[in-house]
């Protein structure tokens, strides 16, 4: 258990690195949470610093999830501290635990008063590392919803929900064998529910028509 606890804490701390807050304070001397939606994420950074920096923040936040799953999990050694009843081997289960810890760290960062982002980019990094094809298809859903609706929040939630749905369709309709499907599916559903929970204010604004749209065209 001590080693697994170390993995959880380290993954949480990496996920907690407030990239958007650090960047906006370094470049503009402000706290990103005081502007726009008040969210410490790439979309809000793009409103304050421009799209280039918004994309940079999204990539760096996603990398936090990748680092937890691909690198930090490899620091684990020894036998699992409790009975592993999942179809995963111990190491894969450690990767999932590390990934979830990083997402929690991003949302409730210890370095910024437990008020961080919404976990989308970090969750993206986690899922890409674990269910790559399903996540890439989910990214396709994100792009389509953004293009037609111009709502980043709606696209984020749609992509998050689409990943478990895509897994269900591939496994049960197209008869594609997804390794450890019955364990990965609840994990994907759990992340989707977490994304919706962190977007609850956006849902309210969407329902009342007050949510901000993005512009995909270049300003002249």
Foldseek 3Di string as FASTA:
>chain_A
DVLLVVLLVVLLQLLQPLVQQVVCCVPPVDGLLVDDPNASALVSSCVVPNNVVSVVRLQSSLVSLLCSLPPSLVSDDDDDPDDDPALDDPSNVSSLSSLVSSLCSQCQPPVPNGHHHQSQSSNLSNCCNPPVVLLVVLVVQLVVCCVVPLANLVSSLSSLVSSLVVLCCCCPPVVDDDVSSVVVSVSSVVVSVSSCVSCVVVVVCVVVVNGDGDDPDDDD
